[in-house]
Amino acid sequence: MKKSANFFEKVYDVAKLIPYGRVTSYGAIAKYLGAAKSARMVGWAMNASHGRDDIPAHRVVNRKGLLTGKHHFEGTNLMQQLLENEGIQVKDNQIQNFDVFFWDPFKELQT
């Protein structure tokens, strides 16, 4: 992963690595970046990424698998539709079998 000076860019570098059909959490990205208490800042970065096709913001959810950022996507169900297109089932704004689809950058990306 390239070195980035800006925290948001570091978040985007990690988000770009989330595999198709997998999801991670704001907190998992923050922990990987060495800023474990900055989950909210990761959320702000994801919100600021809208309009950038290279950032799969729909693959980042809260620690329980809830689509807490869905209101930042165009349309009422775009985030859910994008996830379902990747084979992830969502019911009542929550990813079903979250532990199966969860991708932990701390474990997956050895630095």
Protein backbone atom coordinates (compact mmCIF):
# COMPACT_ATOMS: atom_id res chain seq x y z
CA MET A 1 0.00 0.00 0.00
CA LYS A 2 1.31 3.43 -0.87
CA LYS A 3 2.10 5.90 1.86
CA SER A 4 -0.43 8.73 2.10
CA ALA A 5 -0.08 11.88 4.13
CA ASN A 6 -3.84 12.45 4.46
CA PHE A 7 -5.89 10.22 6.82
CA PHE A 8 -8.83 10.12 4.38
CA GLU A 9 -6.50 8.92 1.60
CA LYS A 10 -5.16 6.20 3.91
CA VAL A 11 -8.75 5.12 4.56
CA TYR A 12 -9.40 5.06 0.81
CA ASP A 13 -6.27 2.97 0.22
CA VAL A 14 -7.65 0.33 2.61
CA ALA A 15 -11.22 0.53 1.28
CA LYS A 16 -9.96 -0.11 -2.26
CA LEU A 17 -8.54 -3.44 -1.03
CA ILE A 18 -11.84 -4.79 0.33
CA PRO A 19 -12.57 -7.80 -1.88
CA TYR A 20 -15.72 -8.04 -3.98
CA GLY A 21 -18.45 -9.74 -1.94
CA ARG A 22 -16.88 -8.83 1.41
CA VAL A 23 -17.42 -6.02 3.90
CA THR A 24 -15.50 -4.39 6.73
CA SER A 25 -16.29 -1.92 9.46
CA TYR A 26 -15.32 1.66 10.15
CA GLY A 27 -13.58 0.50 13.33
CA ALA A 28 -11.63 -2.26 11.58
CA ILE A 29 -10.18 0.25 9.12
CA ALA A 30 -9.37 2.66 11.95
CA LYS A 31 -7.64 -0.12 13.94
CA TYR A 32 -5.62 -1.17 10.90
CA LEU A 33 -4.45 2.42 10.44
CA GLY A 34 -3.32 2.59 14.07
CA ALA A 35 -6.12 4.94 15.05
CA ALA A 36 -8.49 2.52 16.84
CA LYS A 37 -10.64 5.28 18.32
CA SER A 38 -11.19 6.98 14.96
CA ALA A 39 -14.05 4.88 13.55
CA ARG A 40 -16.18 8.02 13.21
CA MET A 41 -13.45 9.71 11.19
CA VAL A 42 -13.39 6.68 8.87
CA GLY A 43 -17.14 7.22 8.46
CA TRP A 44 -16.54 10.84 7.53
CA ALA A 45 -13.99 9.70 4.96
CA MET A 46 -16.49 7.24 3.46
CA ASN A 47 -19.11 10.00 3.30
CA ALA A 48 -16.63 12.30 1.56
CA SER A 49 -15.80 9.58 -0.98
CA HIS A 50 -19.18 9.66 -2.72
CA GLY A 51 -18.78 10.53 -6.35
CA ARG A 52 -15.50 8.61 -6.57
CA ASP A 53 -16.04 5.38 -8.45
CA ASP A 54 -12.74 3.94 -7.20
CA ILE A 55 -13.87 3.80 -3.54
CA PRO A 56 -16.27 0.95 -2.66
CA ALA A 57 -17.88 2.83 0.25
CA HIS A 58 -20.84 0.44 0.21
CA ARG A 59 -18.54 -2.27 1.61
CA VAL A 60 -17.93 -0.35 4.85
CA VAL A 61 -20.55 -0.74 7.58
CA ASN A 62 -20.74 -0.47 11.35
CA ARG A 63 -19.35 -3.11 13.71
CA LYS A 64 -22.67 -4.94 13.85
CA GLY A 65 -23.15 -5.06 10.08
CA LEU A 66 -25.69 -2.26 9.97
CA LEU A 67 -25.85 -0.03 6.90
CA THR A 68 -25.47 3.13 8.97
CA GLY A 69 -24.08 5.09 6.01
CA LYS A 70 -26.90 4.22 3.61
CA HIS A 71 -28.49 7.68 3.77
CA HIS A 72 -25.35 9.12 2.16
CA PHE A 73 -25.96 7.13 -1.04
CA GLU A 74 -28.20 8.34 -3.85
CA GLY A 75 -31.62 6.73 -3.70
CA THR A 76 -33.10 5.01 -0.68
CA ASN A 77 -31.63 1.55 -1.17
CA LEU A 78 -28.53 2.01 -3.34
CA MET A 79 -26.09 0.79 -0.67
CA GLN A 80 -28.19 -2.34 -0.10
CA GLN A 81 -28.55 -2.93 -3.85
CA LEU A 82 -24.79 -2.67 -4.39
CA LEU A 83 -24.15 -5.19 -1.61
CA GLU A 84 -26.84 -7.56 -2.85
CA ASN A 85 -25.32 -7.37 -6.34
CA GLU A 86 -22.18 -8.81 -4.74
CA GLY A 87 -24.10 -11.69 -3.13
CA ILE A 88 -24.49 -10.17 0.34
CA GLN A 89 -27.99 -10.51 1.78
CA VAL A 90 -29.34 -7.50 3.66
CA LYS A 91 -32.48 -7.56 5.79
CA ASP A 92 -33.79 -4.57 7.76
CA ASN A 93 -30.59 -2.62 6.96
CA GLN A 94 -28.39 -5.35 8.44
CA ILE A 95 -26.03 -7.71 6.66
CA GLN A 96 -27.08 -11.30 7.20
CA ASN A 97 -24.32 -13.70 8.27
CA PHE A 98 -22.07 -10.69 8.86
CA ASP A 99 -19.24 -12.81 10.29
CA VAL A 100 -19.07 -14.81 7.03
CA PHE A 101 -18.64 -11.70 4.88
CA PHE A 102 -16.51 -9.67 7.30
CA TRP A 103 -13.04 -8.81 6.02
CA ASP A 104 -10.58 -7.68 8.70
CA PRO A 105 -7.74 -5.62 7.20
CA PHE A 106 -5.72 -6.11 10.40
CA LYS A 107 -5.64 -9.87 9.72
CA GLU A 108 -5.76 -9.82 5.91
CA LEU A 109 -3.18 -7.11 5.19
CA GLN A 110 0.11 -7.99 6.78
CA THR A 111 2.36 -4.94 6.82
